[in-house]
Amino acid sequence: MALYMVQHGKNLPKEIDEKQGLSEQGIDEVERIADTAVVYGVKIDRILHSGKKRARQTADIFAKKLNVAGVAETEGLKALDDPEAFAGEIRSDENLMLVGHLPFMERMASYLTTGKTDYTVFKFQNGGIVCLDKLPDSDSWAIVWALMPHIG
């Protein structure tokens, strides 16, 4: 089973939207990445998001495109939350998508792959997916693939 990590799509500035929902560009990029995930046959059992408007909107786009019924807000996915504390919530027997914020997502990818939170093992982009898989007979995970809105 796989863990799909997503940084929310690009959002509007607070001056335009106090809750910083997705911008048109953010919506377009998340939809494009979700459409690509559909083409590749990505299957998600459940999506958890931080509850912030931009993360919820991102999760909802992925849920609609990938036909995922289980979408829920959860604690522990905000920008400054502790990846080590949340890691215990991840089960390797389901295809789970997490939609959250930086620096949390980069720190979580680091923790799962290296056991430490202070390495950058992957540079996330708004709206992109990083897929990790748990290594057999290990507590460690490995990055298997990524879909990003921008190359270069």
N, C-alpha and C. Protein backbone atom coordinates (compact mmCIF):
# COMPACT_ATOMS: atom_id res chain seq x y z
N MET A 1 0.83 -1.18 0.00
CA MET A 1 0.00 0.00 0.00
C MET A 1 0.88 1.25 0.00
N ALA A 2 0.28 2.38 -0.33
CA ALA A 2 1.07 3.60 -0.55
C ALA A 2 0.58 4.75 0.31
N LEU A 3 1.51 5.67 0.55
CA LEU A 3 1.21 6.94 1.20
C LEU A 3 1.43 8.04 0.17
N TYR A 4 0.40 8.83 -0.08
CA TYR A 4 0.47 9.92 -1.03
C TYR A 4 0.47 11.22 -0.23
N MET A 5 1.53 12.00 -0.38
CA MET A 5 1.66 13.26 0.34
C MET A 5 1.49 14.43 -0.63
N VAL A 6 0.63 15.37 -0.26
CA VAL A 6 0.29 16.50 -1.13
C VAL A 6 0.38 17.81 -0.34
N GLN A 7 1.14 18.75 -0.87
CA GLN A 7 1.08 20.12 -0.36
C GLN A 7 -0.10 20.77 -1.07
N HIS A 8 -0.96 21.44 -0.32
CA HIS A 8 -2.14 22.08 -0.92
C HIS A 8 -1.77 22.88 -2.17
N GLY A 9 -2.77 23.12 -3.02
CA GLY A 9 -2.56 23.92 -4.22
C GLY A 9 -2.27 25.38 -3.89
N LYS A 10 -1.84 26.11 -4.90
CA LYS A 10 -1.54 27.54 -4.70
C LYS A 10 -2.79 28.27 -4.23
N ASN A 11 -2.59 29.16 -3.26
CA ASN A 11 -3.73 29.83 -2.64
C ASN A 11 -3.71 31.33 -2.89
N LEU A 12 -4.85 31.93 -2.62
CA LEU A 12 -5.01 33.38 -2.72
C LEU A 12 -4.35 34.05 -1.51
N PRO A 13 -3.87 35.29 -1.69
CA PRO A 13 -3.33 36.02 -0.54
C PRO A 13 -4.46 36.42 0.42
N LYS A 14 -4.10 36.65 1.68
CA LYS A 14 -5.08 37.02 2.71
C LYS A 14 -5.86 38.28 2.34
N GLU A 15 -5.22 39.22 1.60
CA GLU A 15 -5.89 40.46 1.22
C GLU A 15 -7.10 40.19 0.31
N ILE A 16 -7.07 39.10 -0.43
CA ILE A 16 -8.15 38.76 -1.35
C ILE A 16 -9.13 37.78 -0.69
N ASP A 17 -8.60 36.81 0.05
CA ASP A 17 -9.42 35.80 0.73
C ASP A 17 -8.81 35.56 2.11
N GLU A 18 -9.50 36.01 3.13
CA GLU A 18 -8.98 35.91 4.50
C GLU A 18 -8.61 34.47 4.87
N LYS A 19 -9.35 33.48 4.34
CA LYS A 19 -9.08 32.07 4.66
C LYS A 19 -8.12 31.43 3.68
N GLN A 20 -7.66 32.20 2.70
CA GLN A 20 -6.65 31.78 1.72
C GLN A 20 -7.03 30.49 0.98
N GLY A 21 -8.20 30.51 0.36
CA GLY A 21 -8.62 29.40 -0.49
C GLY A 21 -7.75 29.32 -1.73
N LEU A 22 -7.98 28.29 -2.53
CA LEU A 22 -7.18 28.09 -3.73
C LEU A 22 -7.41 29.20 -4.76
N SER A 23 -6.33 29.58 -5.44
CA SER A 23 -6.43 30.51 -6.57
C SER A 23 -6.88 29.73 -7.79
N GLU A 24 -7.23 30.43 -8.84
CA GLU A 24 -7.61 29.75 -10.10
C GLU A 24 -6.45 28.88 -10.59
N GLN A 25 -5.22 29.42 -10.53
CA GLN A 25 -4.06 28.65 -10.93
C GLN A 25 -3.92 27.41 -10.04
N GLY A 26 -4.13 27.57 -8.75
CA GLY A 26 -4.05 26.43 -7.83
C GLY A 26 -5.06 25.36 -8.17
N ILE A 27 -6.30 25.77 -8.44
CA ILE A 27 -7.35 24.82 -8.83
C ILE A 27 -6.96 24.09 -10.11
N ASP A 28 -6.52 24.86 -11.12
CA ASP A 28 -6.15 24.26 -12.41
C ASP A 28 -5.01 23.25 -12.25
N GLU A 29 -3.99 23.61 -11.46
CA GLU A 29 -2.85 22.71 -11.29
C GLU A 29 -3.23 21.45 -10.53
N VAL A 30 -4.03 21.58 -9.48
CA VAL A 30 -4.46 20.39 -8.73
C VAL A 30 -5.33 19.50 -9.60
N GLU A 31 -6.23 20.09 -10.37
CA GLU A 31 -7.06 19.29 -11.28
C GLU A 31 -6.20 18.56 -12.31
N ARG A 32 -5.18 19.24 -12.84
CA ARG A 32 -4.30 18.61 -13.84
C ARG A 32 -3.53 17.44 -13.23
N ILE A 33 -3.00 17.62 -12.02
CA ILE A 33 -2.27 16.53 -11.35
C ILE A 33 -3.23 15.39 -11.02
N ALA A 34 -4.43 15.71 -10.55
CA ALA A 34 -5.41 14.67 -10.24
C ALA A 34 -5.81 13.90 -11.50
N ASP A 35 -6.01 14.61 -12.61
CA ASP A 35 -6.33 13.93 -13.88
C ASP A 35 -5.21 12.99 -14.30
N THR A 36 -3.97 13.42 -14.12
CA THR A 36 -2.82 12.57 -14.45
C THR A 36 -2.80 11.34 -13.54
N ALA A 37 -3.10 11.53 -12.27
CA ALA A 37 -3.15 10.39 -11.33
C ALA A 37 -4.22 9.39 -11.75
N VAL A 38 -5.34 9.88 -12.26
CA VAL A 38 -6.39 8.99 -12.75
C VAL A 38 -5.87 8.16 -13.92
N VAL A 39 -5.20 8.81 -14.87
CA VAL A 39 -4.65 8.12 -16.04
C VAL A 39 -3.69 7.00 -15.60
N TYR A 40 -2.90 7.28 -14.56
CA TYR A 40 -1.94 6.29 -14.06
C TYR A 40 -2.58 5.23 -13.16
N GLY A 41 -3.86 5.35 -12.90
CA GLY A 41 -4.55 4.33 -12.11
C GLY A 41 -4.30 4.42 -10.61
N VAL A 42 -4.01 5.60 -10.10
CA VAL A 42 -3.79 5.78 -8.66
C VAL A 42 -5.09 5.50 -7.92
N LYS A 43 -5.01 4.67 -6.89
CA LYS A 43 -6.17 4.31 -6.06
C LYS A 43 -5.92 4.80 -4.65
N ILE A 44 -6.87 5.54 -4.12
CA ILE A 44 -6.78 6.10 -2.77
C ILE A 44 -7.96 5.56 -1.97
N ASP A 45 -7.68 5.07 -0.75
CA ASP A 45 -8.74 4.60 0.13
C ASP A 45 -9.32 5.73 0.98
N ARG A 46 -8.44 6.65 1.39
CA ARG A 46 -8.86 7.69 2.33
C ARG A 46 -7.97 8.91 2.16
N ILE A 47 -8.57 10.11 2.33
CA ILE A 47 -7.81 11.36 2.28
C ILE A 47 -8.01 12.09 3.60
N LEU A 48 -6.89 12.48 4.20
CA LEU A 48 -6.92 13.30 5.41
C LEU A 48 -6.32 14.66 5.07
N HIS A 49 -6.93 15.74 5.58
CA HIS A 49 -6.42 17.08 5.33
C HIS A 49 -6.40 17.88 6.63
N SER A 50 -5.71 19.01 6.60
CA SER A 50 -5.49 19.82 7.80
C SER A 50 -6.72 20.59 8.27
N GLY A 51 -7.69 20.78 7.42
CA GLY A 51 -8.86 21.56 7.77
C GLY A 51 -8.81 23.00 7.27
N LYS A 52 -7.62 23.48 6.93
CA LYS A 52 -7.54 24.83 6.36
C LYS A 52 -8.20 24.80 4.99
N LYS A 53 -8.80 25.93 4.61
CA LYS A 53 -9.61 25.99 3.38
C LYS A 53 -8.85 25.47 2.17
N ARG A 54 -7.61 25.90 1.98
CA ARG A 54 -6.85 25.49 0.79
C ARG A 54 -6.55 23.98 0.79
N ALA A 55 -6.32 23.41 1.96
CA ALA A 55 -6.07 21.96 2.05
C ALA A 55 -7.36 21.19 1.81
N ARG A 56 -8.47 21.67 2.37
CA ARG A 56 -9.76 21.00 2.16
C ARG A 56 -10.15 21.04 0.69
N GLN A 57 -9.97 22.20 0.04
CA GLN A 57 -10.30 22.31 -1.38
C GLN A 57 -9.43 21.37 -2.22
N THR A 58 -8.15 21.30 -1.90
CA THR A 58 -7.24 20.40 -2.61
C THR A 58 -7.69 18.95 -2.42
N ALA A 59 -7.98 18.57 -1.18
CA ALA A 59 -8.45 17.20 -0.88
C ALA A 59 -9.74 16.90 -1.64
N ASP A 60 -10.65 17.86 -1.69
CA ASP A 60 -11.92 17.65 -2.38
C ASP A 60 -11.73 17.43 -3.87
N ILE A 61 -10.81 18.16 -4.48
CA ILE A 61 -10.54 17.96 -5.92
C ILE A 61 -10.00 16.54 -6.16
N PHE A 62 -9.02 16.13 -5.36
CA PHE A 62 -8.49 14.77 -5.51
C PHE A 62 -9.57 13.73 -5.26
N ALA A 63 -10.40 13.94 -4.25
CA ALA A 63 -11.46 12.98 -3.93
C ALA A 63 -12.44 12.83 -5.09
N LYS A 64 -12.82 13.96 -5.68
CA LYS A 64 -13.77 13.92 -6.79
C LYS A 64 -13.16 13.20 -8.00
N LYS A 65 -11.95 13.58 -8.36
CA LYS A 65 -11.31 13.02 -9.56
C LYS A 65 -10.97 11.54 -9.38
N LEU A 66 -10.53 11.16 -8.14
CA LEU A 66 -10.09 9.78 -7.89
C LEU A 66 -11.17 8.92 -7.25
N ASN A 67 -12.38 9.48 -7.14
CA ASN A 67 -13.52 8.73 -6.62
C ASN A 67 -13.26 8.18 -5.22
N VAL A 68 -12.88 9.07 -4.31
CA VAL A 68 -12.59 8.70 -2.92
C VAL A 68 -13.73 9.21 -2.03
N ALA A 69 -14.38 8.29 -1.32
CA ALA A 69 -15.49 8.67 -0.45
C ALA A 69 -15.01 9.17 0.90
N GLY A 70 -13.92 8.62 1.39
CA GLY A 70 -13.45 8.94 2.74
C GLY A 70 -12.51 10.13 2.77
N VAL A 71 -13.06 11.32 3.02
CA VAL A 71 -12.26 12.54 3.15
C VAL A 71 -12.57 13.15 4.51
N ALA A 72 -11.52 13.42 5.30
CA ALA A 72 -11.76 13.94 6.64
C ALA A 72 -10.67 14.91 7.07
N GLU A 73 -11.07 15.87 7.88
CA GLU A 73 -10.12 16.76 8.54
C GLU A 73 -9.50 16.01 9.70
N THR A 74 -8.22 16.26 9.93
CA THR A 74 -7.54 15.63 11.06
C THR A 74 -6.53 16.58 11.66
N GLU A 75 -6.24 16.39 12.91
CA GLU A 75 -5.21 17.16 13.58
C GLU A 75 -3.84 16.63 13.16
N GLY A 76 -2.83 17.49 13.20
CA GLY A 76 -1.47 17.04 12.99
C GLY A 76 -0.86 17.33 11.64
N LEU A 77 -1.60 17.96 10.71
CA LEU A 77 -1.09 18.20 9.36
C LEU A 77 -0.82 19.68 9.05
N LYS A 78 -0.86 20.52 10.06
CA LYS A 78 -0.60 21.94 9.84
C LYS A 78 0.90 22.19 9.71
N ALA A 79 1.25 23.36 9.23
CA ALA A 79 2.63 23.70 8.87
C ALA A 79 3.66 23.37 9.94
N LEU A 80 3.37 23.69 11.19
CA LEU A 80 4.37 23.53 12.25
C LEU A 80 4.11 22.32 13.15
N ASP A 81 3.19 21.44 12.74
CA ASP A 81 2.93 20.24 13.54
C ASP A 81 4.12 19.28 13.50
N ASP A 82 4.15 18.38 14.46
CA ASP A 82 5.26 17.45 14.64
C ASP A 82 5.08 16.17 13.81
N PRO A 83 5.92 15.95 12.80
CA PRO A 83 5.80 14.74 11.98
C PRO A 83 5.95 13.45 12.79
N GLU A 84 6.83 13.45 13.77
CA GLU A 84 7.03 12.25 14.58
C GLU A 84 5.74 11.86 15.30
N ALA A 85 5.02 12.84 15.81
CA ALA A 85 3.77 12.57 16.51
C ALA A 85 2.71 12.02 15.56
N PHE A 86 2.67 12.53 14.32
CA PHE A 86 1.66 12.08 13.36
C PHE A 86 2.01 10.75 12.72
N ALA A 87 3.27 10.41 12.63
CA ALA A 87 3.71 9.19 11.93
C ALA A 87 3.02 7.93 12.46
N GLY A 88 2.72 7.90 13.74
CA GLY A 88 2.05 6.74 14.32
C GLY A 88 0.63 6.54 13.81
N GLU A 89 0.05 7.57 13.20
CA GLU A 89 -1.30 7.49 12.65
C GLU A 89 -1.33 6.83 11.27
N ILE A 90 -0.18 6.68 10.65
CA ILE A 90 -0.11 6.16 9.28
C ILE A 90 -0.07 4.64 9.32
N ARG A 91 -1.02 4.04 8.63
CA ARG A 91 -1.06 2.57 8.51
C ARG A 91 -0.56 2.19 7.12
N SER A 92 0.20 1.13 7.06
CA SER A 92 0.74 0.71 5.76
C SER A 92 -0.19 -0.27 5.05
N ASP A 93 -1.41 -0.47 5.58
CA ASP A 93 -2.34 -1.40 4.95
C ASP A 93 -3.44 -0.70 4.16
N GLU A 94 -3.26 0.60 3.89
CA GLU A 94 -4.23 1.33 3.09
C GLU A 94 -3.51 2.34 2.21
N ASN A 95 -4.16 2.74 1.15
CA ASN A 95 -3.64 3.81 0.30
C ASN A 95 -4.19 5.12 0.86
N LEU A 96 -3.32 5.85 1.53
CA LEU A 96 -3.72 7.06 2.24
C LEU A 96 -3.10 8.29 1.60
N MET A 97 -3.92 9.33 1.43
CA MET A 97 -3.41 10.62 0.96
C MET A 97 -3.49 11.61 2.11
N LEU A 98 -2.39 12.33 2.34
CA LEU A 98 -2.33 13.41 3.31
C LEU A 98 -2.21 14.73 2.56
N VAL A 99 -3.06 15.69 2.88
CA VAL A 99 -3.01 17.00 2.25
C VAL A 99 -2.73 18.02 3.34
N GLY A 100 -1.57 18.67 3.25
CA GLY A 100 -1.18 19.60 4.29
C GLY A 100 -0.32 20.73 3.77
N HIS A 101 0.64 21.13 4.59
CA HIS A 101 1.36 22.38 4.40
C HIS A 101 2.86 22.18 4.59
N LEU A 102 3.62 23.16 4.09
CA LEU A 102 5.05 23.21 4.37
C LEU A 102 5.25 24.03 5.65
N PRO A 103 6.24 23.72 6.42
CA PRO A 103 7.29 22.73 6.19
C PRO A 103 6.92 21.31 6.62
N PHE A 104 5.69 21.11 7.16
CA PHE A 104 5.32 19.80 7.67
C PHE A 104 5.54 18.68 6.65
N MET A 105 5.06 18.86 5.43
CA MET A 105 5.13 17.77 4.45
C MET A 105 6.57 17.37 4.16
N GLU A 106 7.45 18.35 3.98
CA GLU A 106 8.86 18.01 3.73
C GLU A 106 9.49 17.35 4.96
N ARG A 107 9.13 17.81 6.14
CA ARG A 107 9.67 17.22 7.37
C ARG A 107 9.14 15.80 7.57
N MET A 108 7.87 15.55 7.20
CA MET A 108 7.30 14.20 7.32
C MET A 108 7.97 13.25 6.34
N ALA A 109 8.18 13.69 5.10
CA ALA A 109 8.88 12.84 4.12
C ALA A 109 10.28 12.50 4.62
N SER A 110 10.95 13.49 5.20
CA SER A 110 12.28 13.26 5.75
C SER A 110 12.23 12.25 6.89
N TYR A 111 11.28 12.42 7.80
CA TYR A 111 11.18 11.53 8.96
C TYR A 111 10.90 10.08 8.53
N LEU A 112 9.98 9.92 7.60
CA LEU A 112 9.62 8.56 7.17
C LEU A 112 10.76 7.86 6.43
N THR A 113 11.55 8.62 5.69
CA THR A 113 12.62 8.00 4.89
C THR A 113 13.96 7.92 5.61
N THR A 114 14.21 8.84 6.56
CA THR A 114 15.53 8.86 7.21
C THR A 114 15.48 8.69 8.72
N GLY A 115 14.29 8.85 9.31
CA GLY A 115 14.18 8.79 10.76
C GLY A 115 14.47 10.12 11.42
N LYS A 116 14.78 11.15 10.63
CA LYS A 116 15.06 12.49 11.14
C LYS A 116 14.22 13.50 10.35
N THR A 117 13.87 14.60 11.00
CA THR A 117 13.00 15.58 10.34
C THR A 117 13.74 16.71 9.66
N ASP A 118 15.05 16.78 9.82
CA ASP A 118 15.77 17.96 9.34
C ASP A 118 16.51 17.79 8.02
N TYR A 119 16.21 16.74 7.25
CA TYR A 119 16.78 16.58 5.92
C TYR A 119 15.70 16.89 4.89
N THR A 120 16.08 17.53 3.81
CA THR A 120 15.13 17.71 2.71
C THR A 120 15.38 16.58 1.72
N VAL A 121 14.48 15.59 1.72
CA VAL A 121 14.64 14.45 0.81
C VAL A 121 13.84 14.64 -0.47
N PHE A 122 12.91 15.61 -0.44
CA PHE A 122 12.15 15.94 -1.64
C PHE A 122 11.65 17.36 -1.50
N LYS A 123 11.72 18.13 -2.58
CA LYS A 123 11.25 19.51 -2.60
C LYS A 123 9.82 19.52 -3.13
N PHE A 124 8.86 19.69 -2.24
CA PHE A 124 7.45 19.68 -2.61
C PHE A 124 7.08 20.92 -3.42
N GLN A 125 6.03 20.76 -4.25
CA GLN A 125 5.42 21.88 -4.96
C GLN A 125 3.93 21.90 -4.63
N ASN A 126 3.36 23.11 -4.64
CA ASN A 126 1.92 23.21 -4.42
C ASN A 126 1.16 22.34 -5.41
N GLY A 127 0.30 21.47 -4.88
CA GLY A 127 -0.57 20.65 -5.72
C GLY A 127 0.05 19.37 -6.24
N GLY A 128 1.33 19.14 -5.99
CA GLY A 128 1.98 17.92 -6.46
C GLY A 128 1.77 16.76 -5.51
N ILE A 129 2.02 15.55 -5.99
CA ILE A 129 1.90 14.33 -5.19
C ILE A 129 3.28 13.69 -5.06
N VAL A 130 3.62 13.29 -3.85
CA VAL A 130 4.81 12.47 -3.61
C VAL A 130 4.31 11.15 -3.06
N CYS A 131 4.65 10.05 -3.73
CA CYS A 131 4.19 8.73 -3.32
C CYS A 131 5.31 7.99 -2.60
N LEU A 132 5.01 7.51 -1.39
CA LEU A 132 5.96 6.72 -0.61
C LEU A 132 5.39 5.32 -0.39
N ASP A 133 6.29 4.37 -0.23
CA ASP A 133 5.90 2.99 0.05
C ASP A 133 6.75 2.49 1.21
N LYS A 134 6.15 1.74 2.10
CA LYS A 134 6.88 1.22 3.25
C LYS A 134 7.78 0.08 2.80
N LEU A 135 9.02 0.12 3.23
CA LEU A 135 9.98 -0.93 2.88
C LEU A 135 9.64 -2.21 3.64
N PRO A 136 9.76 -3.38 3.00
CA PRO A 136 9.43 -4.63 3.67
C PRO A 136 10.34 -4.85 4.88
N ASP A 137 9.75 -5.41 5.94
CA ASP A 137 10.50 -5.74 7.16
C ASP A 137 11.26 -4.55 7.72
N SER A 138 10.65 -3.36 7.66
CA SER A 138 11.34 -2.15 8.11
C SER A 138 10.30 -1.14 8.58
N ASP A 139 10.74 -0.18 9.37
CA ASP A 139 9.89 0.95 9.74
C ASP A 139 10.09 2.12 8.79
N SER A 140 10.97 1.98 7.83
CA SER A 140 11.30 3.06 6.90
C SER A 140 10.45 3.01 5.64
N TRP A 141 10.33 4.17 5.03
CA TRP A 141 9.60 4.33 3.78
C TRP A 141 10.58 4.80 2.71
N ALA A 142 10.19 4.64 1.45
CA ALA A 142 10.99 5.13 0.32
C ALA A 142 10.08 5.91 -0.63
N ILE A 143 10.63 6.94 -1.24
CA ILE A 143 9.89 7.68 -2.26
C ILE A 143 9.91 6.84 -3.53
N VAL A 144 8.72 6.59 -4.06
CA VAL A 144 8.57 5.73 -5.23
C VAL A 144 8.43 6.57 -6.51
N TRP A 145 7.63 7.61 -6.45
CA TRP A 145 7.43 8.49 -7.60
C TRP A 145 6.82 9.81 -7.15
N ALA A 146 6.78 10.76 -8.07
CA ALA A 146 6.16 12.06 -7.78
C ALA A 146 5.57 12.62 -9.06
N LEU A 147 4.48 13.35 -8.90
CA LEU A 147 3.86 14.14 -9.98
C LEU A 147 3.86 15.58 -9.52
N MET A 148 4.50 16.45 -10.28
CA MET A 148 4.61 17.85 -9.90
C MET A 148 4.04 18.73 -11.01
N PRO A 149 3.44 19.86 -10.63
CA PRO A 149 2.90 20.77 -11.64
C PRO A 149 3.96 21.39 -12.55
N HIS A 150 5.19 21.56 -12.03
CA HIS A 150 6.23 22.22 -12.81
C HIS A 150 7.50 21.38 -12.80
N ILE A 151 8.14 21.24 -13.95
CA ILE A 151 9.41 20.54 -14.05
C ILE A 151 10.48 21.60 -14.27
N GLY A 152 11.52 21.52 -13.44
CA GLY A 152 12.61 22.45 -13.60
C GLY A 152 12.61 23.55 -12.58
